[in-house]
Amino acid sequence: MFAAWRRPRALLWAAVTAAALGFLVALEIAARHYGLPGPIANQAREVVFPPKSGPLLYAGMALTMVVLTWRQRFVAAGAAIGVDIAFAVVRWAVDAPVAEGHSFGNGALWVILGCAVIAVTRRTGRDQVLLLKGAGLGLLLVAGRKTGDAWLLITSKTRPTVLDQYMATADHALGNPSWLAGRVVAATGQVGAHVLDWVYVQLAVAAVVVALYQLRDVAAERRFPRHHLVRTFLTIGLLGPGIYMIFPVVGPVFAYGTGAFGTGGAPWAIADLWPHTLPPIGAPELMSYDDITPRNCMPSLHTAWATAIFLHSRRAPRLLRYAGTFWLIATLSATLGFGYHYGIDLVAGVVFAVTIEAALRAHDRGWERPGILLVGYGTAVFAALLATTRHLSVQMADHPWAFGPLFLLAMASVVLGYARTTKRWEAQPAAPVPRPEPRLETV
């Protein structure tokens, strides 16, 4: 076991783990500075208290179970359900109703943590590493949600002014799609709004469904595939909030409407215009906003994540391909129709996701020239979108028939470049990785 840890790959995993823990601690300290618990405290709280997202915890447990045999999976699922039933009985007995969050999910977290404990205390060698990776994958998914919440808190506290006037002005080049989608969603009534809201909220669960298909052979092969959706999903969530810090935007429903989630509203909005009245074209300027609403618009990470799901579902069975397409279309409709994003946010989100996906795949192939060029081009297009929106928003609004198609063509060129490059990669696969002999372990 100790010899294995001396290997360069093991040292790399150790360094990545240490960096992740340091990052979580830093976010915890930053959140505490503003008087709120950080990602570590929030996650630890869900060991006992009602979790914020029960489905997400069960999705994380499902990722952990890809390393288990079918017998172990049934035992793990039964244990999770049993723990949740026990918690429900105790809450009922002490008359502690669930005021917010979900009444289930603690059991799933217990199972994930239990797998980590078993890996440390009862496994050795490759079996230990594989089980630790499975538990780590599940914990990363649920910790990513807590990390995102902490990041959003930091953006609202450290960025008192936002760039929404620039975004709304530039969005005239795309026809102000959020205003149009907002009216369409309102016309569909409660049914359409509930469907889109469910799709929007459960995006991580949809990602896990596709990831489970990609990781279906892990238990038999005793190894993870070189690239899978969870890597892209987590990388997008790690890098995206950093862009929020340099390009803070709250969204149309906040800057031009009545707000949402109990934040924003008339005292902070420019005017109550969304979604029925288009914002006027004028000289944009920085505007102050409250210290609660996250500055999480540019780029749209929901669009980026939905794009990643779409890309990774292309080689799945037909049902998953249809589901990936539906989730992308429904997510785009929700982000615009609820007023959470401007049209340019979505364009940037697609470019952001495709560039990250290209970078991860290029890294796996050893950074060959086509991969370097593709990643460099995607990064340049993304930077150009930010710079143009910030410094040429009035010109974009004045010449929509020039800038609108230009933005869409720039996005399409990145997607086309990715499709062509990956097609060549698939025709000339990278050198195969030696696989250990399949070996199943029973409890």
Protein backbone atom coordinates (compact mmCIF):
# COMPACT_ATOMS: atom_id res chain seq x y z
CA MET A 1 0.00 0.00 0.00
CA PHE A 2 2.77 2.43 0.93
CA ALA A 3 4.62 1.60 -2.28
CA ALA A 4 1.54 2.54 -4.26
CA TRP A 5 1.42 5.95 -2.63
CA ARG A 6 4.94 6.61 -3.87
CA ARG A 7 3.84 6.39 -7.46
CA PRO A 8 3.60 9.74 -9.30
CA ARG A 9 -0.09 9.29 -10.01
CA ALA A 10 -0.81 8.63 -6.34
CA LEU A 11 1.20 11.70 -5.39
CA LEU A 12 -0.81 13.74 -7.89
CA TRP A 13 -4.07 12.52 -6.33
CA ALA A 14 -2.74 13.40 -2.90
CA ALA A 15 -1.80 16.90 -4.07
CA VAL A 16 -5.22 17.42 -5.66
CA THR A 17 -6.95 16.24 -2.48
CA ALA A 18 -4.85 18.57 -0.33
CA ALA A 19 -5.59 21.51 -2.65
CA ALA A 20 -9.32 20.75 -2.57
CA LEU A 21 -9.33 20.60 1.22
CA GLY A 22 -7.40 23.87 1.40
CA PHE A 23 -9.88 25.50 -0.96
CA LEU A 24 -12.83 24.32 1.16
CA VAL A 25 -11.18 25.61 4.33
CA ALA A 26 -10.57 28.99 2.67
CA LEU A 27 -14.24 29.22 1.65
CA GLU A 28 -15.29 28.21 5.15
CA ILE A 29 -13.20 31.02 6.63
CA ALA A 30 -14.55 33.53 4.09
CA ALA A 31 -18.16 32.56 4.83
CA ARG A 32 -17.55 32.76 8.58
CA HIS A 33 -16.18 36.25 8.04
CA TYR A 34 -19.65 37.26 6.87
CA GLY A 35 -21.36 35.53 9.77
CA LEU A 36 -22.62 32.45 7.91
CA PRO A 37 -21.55 28.78 7.92
CA GLY A 38 -19.38 27.69 5.02
CA PRO A 39 -19.43 24.54 2.85
CA ILE A 40 -17.78 22.28 5.45
CA ALA A 41 -20.16 23.27 8.25
CA ASN A 42 -23.21 23.04 5.99
CA GLN A 43 -22.22 19.57 4.80
CA ALA A 44 -21.46 18.34 8.32
CA ARG A 45 -24.84 19.66 9.47
CA GLU A 46 -26.63 17.38 7.00
CA VAL A 47 -25.32 14.30 8.77
CA VAL A 48 -28.11 14.88 11.29
CA PHE A 49 -30.32 17.81 10.21
CA PRO A 50 -32.67 17.86 7.18
CA PRO A 51 -30.56 18.27 4.03
CA LYS A 52 -31.02 21.08 1.57
CA SER A 53 -31.27 18.63 -1.35
CA GLY A 54 -32.18 15.02 -0.68
CA PRO A 55 -32.17 14.04 -4.39
CA LEU A 56 -28.63 15.39 -4.76
CA LEU A 57 -27.40 13.29 -1.83
CA TYR A 58 -28.93 10.16 -3.33
CA ALA A 59 -27.37 11.07 -6.68
CA GLY A 60 -24.00 11.33 -4.93
CA MET A 61 -24.58 7.92 -3.34
CA ALA A 62 -25.38 6.49 -6.77
CA LEU A 63 -22.00 7.73 -8.02
CA THR A 64 -20.27 6.10 -5.07
CA MET A 65 -22.02 2.79 -5.76
CA VAL A 66 -20.50 2.45 -9.24
CA VAL A 67 -17.46 0.86 -7.56
CA LEU A 68 -19.58 -1.69 -5.67
CA THR A 69 -20.89 -5.09 -6.71
CA TRP A 70 -24.62 -5.50 -7.18
CA ARG A 71 -24.93 -7.21 -3.79
CA GLN A 72 -23.10 -4.34 -2.12
CA ARG A 73 -25.30 -1.83 -3.93
CA PHE A 74 -28.48 -3.40 -2.58
CA VAL A 75 -27.01 -3.40 0.93
CA ALA A 76 -25.96 0.26 0.60
CA ALA A 77 -29.35 1.36 -0.78
CA GLY A 78 -31.17 -0.53 1.95
CA ALA A 79 -28.97 1.03 4.62
CA ALA A 80 -29.62 4.55 3.26
CA ILE A 81 -33.38 4.03 3.18
CA GLY A 82 -33.31 2.50 6.66
CA VAL A 83 -31.39 5.45 8.10
CA ASP A 84 -33.82 7.91 6.48
CA ILE A 85 -36.80 6.02 7.92
CA ALA A 86 -35.19 6.07 11.35
CA PHE A 87 -34.60 9.82 11.11
CA ALA A 88 -38.21 10.36 10.00
CA VAL A 89 -39.50 8.35 12.99
CA VAL A 90 -37.31 10.28 15.44
CA ARG A 91 -38.41 13.65 14.00
CA TRP A 92 -42.02 12.58 14.23
CA ALA A 93 -41.55 11.34 17.81
CA VAL A 94 -39.94 14.58 19.03
CA ASP A 95 -42.32 16.71 16.94
CA ALA A 96 -39.56 18.29 14.83
CA PRO A 97 -41.14 19.02 11.44
CA VAL A 98 -38.91 19.78 8.46
CA ALA A 99 -39.25 23.53 7.98
CA GLU A 100 -36.96 23.74 4.94
CA GLY A 101 -35.01 21.32 2.79
CA HIS A 102 -35.94 17.65 2.43
CA SER A 103 -37.00 15.05 4.96
CA PHE A 104 -34.72 12.47 3.31
CA GLY A 105 -31.09 12.29 2.23
CA ASN A 106 -29.26 11.82 5.54
CA GLY A 107 -29.08 8.08 4.89
CA ALA A 108 -27.39 8.60 1.55
CA LEU A 109 -24.74 10.81 3.14
CA TRP A 110 -24.19 8.20 5.88
CA VAL A 111 -23.62 5.53 3.23
CA ILE A 112 -21.08 7.66 1.35
CA LEU A 113 -19.19 8.40 4.56
CA GLY A 114 -19.45 4.74 5.55
CA CYS A 115 -17.85 3.68 2.28
CA ALA A 116 -14.96 6.05 2.97
CA VAL A 117 -14.50 4.61 6.47
CA ILE A 118 -14.60 1.03 5.16
CA ALA A 119 -12.03 1.92 2.50
CA VAL A 120 -9.62 3.26 5.13
CA THR A 121 -10.15 0.55 7.74
CA ARG A 122 -10.94 -2.64 5.79
CA ARG A 123 -9.47 -2.30 2.29
CA THR A 124 -5.93 -2.27 0.97
CA GLY A 125 -4.17 -1.68 -2.33
CA ARG A 126 -6.21 -1.15 -5.48
CA ASP A 127 -9.49 -2.02 -3.76
CA GLN A 128 -8.90 0.73 -1.21
CA VAL A 129 -8.04 3.31 -3.87
CA LEU A 130 -11.08 2.39 -5.95
CA LEU A 131 -13.50 2.62 -3.02
CA LEU A 132 -11.96 5.92 -1.89
CA LYS A 133 -12.39 7.29 -5.41
CA GLY A 134 -16.03 6.23 -5.39
CA ALA A 135 -16.69 7.86 -2.04
CA GLY A 136 -14.73 10.93 -3.09
CA LEU A 137 -16.76 11.24 -6.28
CA GLY A 138 -20.03 11.18 -4.33
CA LEU A 139 -18.76 13.67 -1.75
CA LEU A 140 -17.42 15.97 -4.47
CA LEU A 141 -20.84 16.17 -6.09
CA VAL A 142 -22.61 17.17 -2.87
CA ALA A 143 -19.73 19.35 -1.67
CA GLY A 144 -19.78 21.14 -5.02
CA ARG A 145 -23.28 22.39 -4.21
CA LYS A 146 -22.13 23.74 -0.84
CA THR A 147 -19.03 25.27 -2.40
CA GLY A 148 -21.20 27.01 -4.99
CA ASP A 149 -23.43 28.44 -2.27
CA ALA A 150 -20.38 29.85 -0.48
CA TRP A 151 -19.04 31.34 -3.72
CA LEU A 152 -22.37 33.03 -4.41
CA LEU A 153 -22.39 34.50 -0.91
CA ILE A 154 -18.91 35.91 -1.50
CA THR A 155 -19.93 37.49 -4.82
CA SER A 156 -22.87 39.26 -3.19
CA LYS A 157 -20.74 40.59 -0.33
CA THR A 158 -17.64 41.64 -2.27
CA ARG A 159 -19.20 43.06 -5.46
CA PRO A 160 -21.53 45.93 -4.44
CA THR A 161 -21.99 47.10 -8.06
CA VAL A 162 -23.18 45.07 -11.04
CA LEU A 163 -22.94 45.29 -14.83
CA ASP A 164 -26.57 44.59 -15.68
CA GLN A 165 -27.07 47.80 -17.65
CA TYR A 166 -24.22 46.77 -19.95
CA MET A 167 -25.71 43.31 -20.35
CA ALA A 168 -29.22 44.57 -21.11
CA THR A 169 -27.89 47.10 -23.61
CA ALA A 170 -25.70 44.54 -25.38
CA ASP A 171 -28.53 42.01 -25.37
CA HIS A 172 -30.45 44.17 -27.84
CA ALA A 173 -28.13 42.63 -30.45
CA LEU A 174 -29.72 39.24 -29.73
CA GLY A 175 -33.28 40.57 -29.60
CA ASN A 176 -33.59 40.62 -25.78
CA PRO A 177 -34.50 36.90 -25.61
CA SER A 178 -35.11 36.93 -21.85
CA TRP A 179 -38.00 39.39 -22.26
CA LEU A 180 -39.54 37.23 -25.00
CA ALA A 181 -39.04 33.96 -23.10
CA GLY A 182 -40.46 35.50 -19.93
CA ARG A 183 -43.70 36.32 -21.69
CA VAL A 184 -43.87 32.83 -23.25
CA VAL A 185 -43.36 31.09 -19.89
CA ALA A 186 -45.97 33.33 -18.28
CA ALA A 187 -48.42 32.34 -21.06
CA THR A 188 -47.92 28.61 -20.33
CA GLY A 189 -49.28 29.05 -16.80
CA GLN A 190 -48.36 27.08 -13.71
CA VAL A 191 -47.81 23.77 -15.51
CA GLY A 192 -45.08 25.08 -17.80
CA ALA A 193 -43.43 27.03 -14.99
CA HIS A 194 -43.37 24.00 -12.65
CA VAL A 195 -41.86 21.72 -15.32
CA LEU A 196 -39.12 24.20 -16.17
CA ASP A 197 -38.42 24.90 -12.49
CA TRP A 198 -38.04 21.17 -11.78
CA VAL A 199 -35.67 20.76 -14.74
CA TYR A 200 -33.67 23.79 -13.63
CA VAL A 201 -33.31 22.64 -10.01
CA GLN A 202 -32.55 18.98 -10.72
CA LEU A 203 -29.80 19.58 -13.27
CA ALA A 204 -27.18 17.75 -11.15
CA VAL A 205 -29.44 14.70 -10.89
CA ALA A 206 -29.74 14.60 -14.69
CA ALA A 207 -25.95 14.76 -14.92
CA VAL A 208 -25.65 11.79 -12.56
CA VAL A 209 -27.98 9.71 -14.76
CA VAL A 210 -25.68 10.23 -17.76
CA ALA A 211 -22.58 9.71 -15.60
CA LEU A 212 -23.94 6.41 -14.27
CA TYR A 213 -24.22 5.14 -17.84
CA GLN A 214 -20.62 6.18 -18.52
CA LEU A 215 -19.40 4.56 -15.29
CA ARG A 216 -21.49 1.38 -15.60
CA ASP A 217 -18.42 -0.89 -16.04
CA VAL A 218 -16.29 0.49 -13.20
CA ALA A 219 -17.11 -2.32 -10.75
CA ALA A 220 -16.26 -5.02 -13.30
CA GLU A 221 -13.12 -3.39 -14.72
CA ARG A 222 -11.90 -2.07 -11.34
CA ARG A 223 -10.99 1.27 -12.89
CA PHE A 224 -12.63 4.55 -13.88
CA PRO A 225 -12.72 5.60 -17.55
CA ARG A 226 -10.20 8.21 -18.59
CA HIS A 227 -12.88 10.90 -19.09
CA HIS A 228 -16.48 11.18 -17.91
CA LEU A 229 -19.16 13.80 -17.31
CA VAL A 230 -18.49 14.30 -13.59
CA ARG A 231 -15.02 15.69 -14.38
CA THR A 232 -16.47 18.30 -16.72
CA PHE A 233 -19.35 19.08 -14.38
CA LEU A 234 -17.09 19.73 -11.40
CA THR A 235 -14.54 21.71 -13.42
CA ILE A 236 -17.26 24.03 -14.70
CA GLY A 237 -18.46 24.56 -11.14
CA LEU A 238 -14.93 25.24 -9.93
CA LEU A 239 -13.91 27.79 -12.59
CA GLY A 240 -17.24 29.50 -13.29
CA PRO A 241 -17.64 31.43 -10.01
CA GLY A 242 -14.24 32.99 -10.59
CA ILE A 243 -15.69 34.72 -13.66
CA TYR A 244 -18.54 36.03 -11.50
CA MET A 245 -15.98 37.91 -9.43
CA ILE A 246 -14.66 39.85 -12.43
CA PHE A 247 -18.01 40.20 -14.24
CA PRO A 248 -20.76 40.59 -11.59
CA VAL A 249 -24.31 40.46 -12.97
CA VAL A 250 -27.58 39.68 -11.13
CA GLY A 251 -29.99 39.07 -14.03
CA PRO A 252 -33.07 40.67 -15.65
CA VAL A 253 -35.63 39.64 -13.02
CA PHE A 254 -33.53 41.37 -10.37
CA ALA A 255 -32.18 44.43 -12.19
CA TYR A 256 -35.35 45.10 -14.21
CA GLY A 257 -38.03 43.25 -12.24
CA THR A 258 -39.40 42.33 -8.84
CA GLY A 259 -36.64 39.93 -7.84
CA ALA A 260 -36.80 36.25 -6.85
CA PHE A 261 -35.90 33.93 -3.96
CA GLY A 262 -36.70 36.74 -1.53
CA THR A 263 -33.93 39.01 -2.83
CA GLY A 264 -33.83 42.06 -5.08
CA GLY A 265 -37.01 43.95 -5.84
CA ALA A 266 -38.23 47.50 -6.43
CA PRO A 267 -35.77 49.31 -4.13
CA TRP A 268 -32.82 48.00 -6.17
CA ALA A 269 -34.25 47.58 -9.68
CA ILE A 270 -33.74 50.21 -12.36
CA ALA A 271 -37.44 49.95 -13.14
CA ASP A 272 -40.14 47.28 -13.21
CA LEU A 273 -39.69 46.39 -16.91
CA TRP A 274 -39.17 42.63 -17.12
CA PRO A 275 -40.69 40.87 -19.02
CA HIS A 276 -43.28 43.17 -20.63
CA THR A 277 -41.29 46.31 -21.50
CA LEU A 278 -37.91 46.26 -23.24
CA PRO A 279 -35.18 48.24 -21.49
CA PRO A 280 -34.28 51.49 -23.27
CA ILE A 281 -31.00 51.91 -25.10
CA GLY A 282 -28.81 54.44 -23.35
CA ALA A 283 -25.36 54.95 -21.91
CA PRO A 284 -24.93 52.06 -19.42
CA GLU A 285 -23.20 52.48 -16.09
CA LEU A 286 -22.42 50.49 -12.98
CA MET A 287 -25.36 50.15 -10.61
CA SER A 288 -25.47 49.32 -6.91
CA TYR A 289 -27.35 46.27 -5.72
CA ASP A 290 -28.12 44.56 -2.42
CA ASP A 291 -25.62 42.39 -0.56
CA ILE A 292 -27.77 39.24 -0.72
CA THR A 293 -28.44 38.53 -4.40
CA PRO A 294 -25.67 36.44 -6.02
CA ARG A 295 -23.81 37.93 -8.99
CA ASN A 296 -24.03 34.66 -10.89
CA CYS A 297 -25.06 35.38 -14.46
CA MET A 298 -22.00 35.67 -16.68
CA PRO A 299 -21.52 33.00 -17.89
CA SER A 300 -24.66 30.97 -17.32
CA LEU A 301 -23.34 27.88 -15.53
CA HIS A 302 -26.71 26.14 -15.85
CA THR A 303 -26.31 26.50 -19.61
CA ALA A 304 -22.72 25.26 -19.38
CA TRP A 305 -23.74 22.21 -17.33
CA ALA A 306 -26.68 21.42 -19.61
CA THR A 307 -24.34 21.70 -22.61
CA ALA A 308 -21.94 19.26 -20.95
CA ILE A 309 -24.81 16.81 -20.34
CA PHE A 310 -25.82 17.14 -23.99
CA LEU A 311 -22.26 16.47 -25.24
CA HIS A 312 -21.74 13.45 -23.01
CA SER A 313 -25.09 11.92 -23.89
CA ARG A 314 -24.32 11.81 -27.62
CA ARG A 315 -22.79 8.33 -27.43
CA ALA A 316 -25.41 6.95 -25.05
CA PRO A 317 -28.54 4.95 -25.97
CA ARG A 318 -31.32 6.77 -27.78
CA LEU A 319 -33.38 7.45 -24.65
CA LEU A 320 -30.46 9.21 -22.94
CA ARG A 321 -29.70 11.18 -26.10
CA TYR A 322 -33.29 12.41 -26.19
CA ALA A 323 -33.12 13.20 -22.47
CA GLY A 324 -29.87 15.16 -22.93
CA THR A 325 -31.43 17.20 -25.74
CA PHE A 326 -34.58 17.85 -23.71
CA TRP A 327 -32.58 18.94 -20.66
CA LEU A 328 -30.53 21.38 -22.72
CA ILE A 329 -33.59 22.96 -24.37
CA ALA A 330 -35.58 23.07 -21.11
CA THR A 331 -32.65 24.56 -19.19
CA LEU A 332 -32.14 27.30 -21.79
CA SER A 333 -35.88 28.03 -21.64
CA ALA A 334 -35.85 28.19 -17.84
CA THR A 335 -32.78 30.43 -17.55
CA LEU A 336 -34.35 32.96 -19.94
CA GLY A 337 -38.01 32.45 -19.08
CA PHE A 338 -37.55 33.01 -15.35
CA GLY A 339 -35.42 36.10 -15.96
CA TYR A 340 -32.31 34.62 -14.38
CA HIS A 341 -30.08 35.32 -17.40
CA TYR A 342 -29.59 37.50 -20.45
CA GLY A 343 -29.13 35.97 -23.89
CA ILE A 344 -25.41 36.72 -23.94
CA ASP A 345 -25.01 34.72 -20.72
CA LEU A 346 -26.20 31.63 -22.57
CA VAL A 347 -23.89 32.20 -25.54
CA ALA A 348 -20.96 32.58 -23.14
CA GLY A 349 -22.08 29.49 -21.19
CA VAL A 350 -21.99 27.30 -24.30
CA VAL A 351 -18.51 28.56 -25.26
CA PHE A 352 -17.33 28.11 -21.65
CA ALA A 353 -18.56 24.50 -21.46
CA VAL A 354 -17.21 23.43 -24.85
CA THR A 355 -13.81 24.98 -24.12
CA ILE A 356 -13.54 23.21 -20.75
CA GLU A 357 -14.63 19.90 -22.29
CA ALA A 358 -12.02 20.36 -25.02
CA ALA A 359 -9.33 21.17 -22.46
CA LEU A 360 -10.05 18.05 -20.39
CA ARG A 361 -9.98 15.83 -23.45
CA ALA A 362 -6.85 17.51 -24.79
CA HIS A 363 -5.16 16.93 -21.43
CA ASP A 364 -5.98 13.22 -21.62
CA ARG A 365 -4.33 13.05 -25.04
CA GLY A 366 -1.15 14.84 -23.97
CA TRP A 367 -1.93 18.32 -25.33
CA GLU A 368 -1.47 17.69 -29.03
CA ARG A 369 -1.49 20.66 -31.39
CA PRO A 370 -5.21 20.42 -32.44
CA GLY A 371 -6.26 20.39 -28.79
CA ILE A 372 -4.08 23.38 -27.90
CA LEU A 373 -5.47 25.38 -30.84
CA LEU A 374 -9.07 24.51 -29.99
CA VAL A 375 -8.72 25.44 -26.31
CA GLY A 376 -6.87 28.64 -27.20
CA TYR A 377 -9.54 29.61 -29.71
CA GLY A 378 -12.40 28.90 -27.29
CA THR A 379 -10.68 30.92 -24.58
CA ALA A 380 -10.16 33.84 -26.99
CA VAL A 381 -13.82 33.80 -28.06
CA PHE A 382 -14.98 33.71 -24.44
CA ALA A 383 -12.71 36.62 -23.50
CA ALA A 384 -13.92 38.56 -26.54
CA LEU A 385 -17.56 38.05 -25.47
CA LEU A 386 -16.81 39.51 -22.04
CA ALA A 387 -14.76 42.43 -23.37
CA THR A 388 -17.23 43.33 -26.12
CA THR A 389 -20.21 43.24 -23.76
CA ARG A 390 -18.40 45.44 -21.26
CA HIS A 391 -16.90 48.02 -23.62
CA LEU A 392 -19.00 47.97 -26.81
CA SER A 393 -22.52 47.41 -25.48
CA VAL A 394 -23.93 50.63 -27.01
CA GLN A 395 -22.43 49.82 -30.41
CA MET A 396 -23.94 46.33 -30.17
CA ALA A 397 -27.38 47.77 -29.46
CA ASP A 398 -27.05 50.28 -32.30
CA HIS A 399 -25.96 47.62 -34.84
CA PRO A 400 -27.86 44.45 -33.86
CA TRP A 401 -27.80 42.94 -37.35
CA ALA A 402 -24.00 42.98 -37.28
CA PHE A 403 -23.19 42.00 -33.68
CA GLY A 404 -26.02 39.51 -33.11
CA PRO A 405 -25.08 37.15 -35.96
CA LEU A 406 -21.40 37.70 -35.15
CA PHE A 407 -21.87 36.46 -31.57
CA LEU A 408 -23.88 33.45 -32.70
CA LEU A 409 -21.34 32.61 -35.42
CA ALA A 410 -18.50 32.87 -32.90
CA MET A 411 -20.30 30.40 -30.61
CA ALA A 412 -21.07 28.09 -33.53
CA SER A 413 -17.43 28.17 -34.66
CA VAL A 414 -16.26 26.93 -31.26
CA VAL A 415 -18.85 24.13 -31.28
CA LEU A 416 -17.94 23.18 -34.87
CA GLY A 417 -14.24 23.21 -34.03
CA TYR A 418 -14.89 20.93 -31.09
CA ALA A 419 -16.97 18.53 -33.20
CA ARG A 420 -14.31 18.30 -35.93
CA THR A 421 -11.40 17.92 -33.53
CA THR A 422 -13.04 15.26 -31.39
CA LYS A 423 -14.10 13.35 -34.50
CA ARG A 424 -10.45 13.15 -35.53
CA TRP A 425 -9.49 12.10 -32.01
CA GLU A 426 -12.02 9.29 -32.08
CA ALA A 427 -10.66 8.11 -35.43
CA GLN A 428 -7.14 8.10 -33.96
CA PRO A 429 -7.57 7.08 -30.31
CA ALA A 430 -4.90 7.74 -27.73
CA ALA A 431 -2.64 4.94 -26.59
CA PRO A 432 -4.63 2.45 -24.50
CA VAL A 433 -4.16 2.39 -20.75
CA PRO A 434 -3.20 -1.05 -19.35
CA ARG A 435 -6.14 -2.57 -17.55
CA PRO A 436 -5.88 -4.83 -14.51
CA GLU A 437 -7.57 -8.19 -14.57
CA PRO A 438 -11.25 -7.93 -13.55
CA ARG A 439 -11.75 -9.01 -9.96
CA LEU A 440 -14.96 -8.73 -7.99
CA GLU A 441 -14.97 -8.54 -4.24
CA THR A 442 -17.85 -9.61 -2.04
CA VAL A 443 -18.65 -8.32 1.40
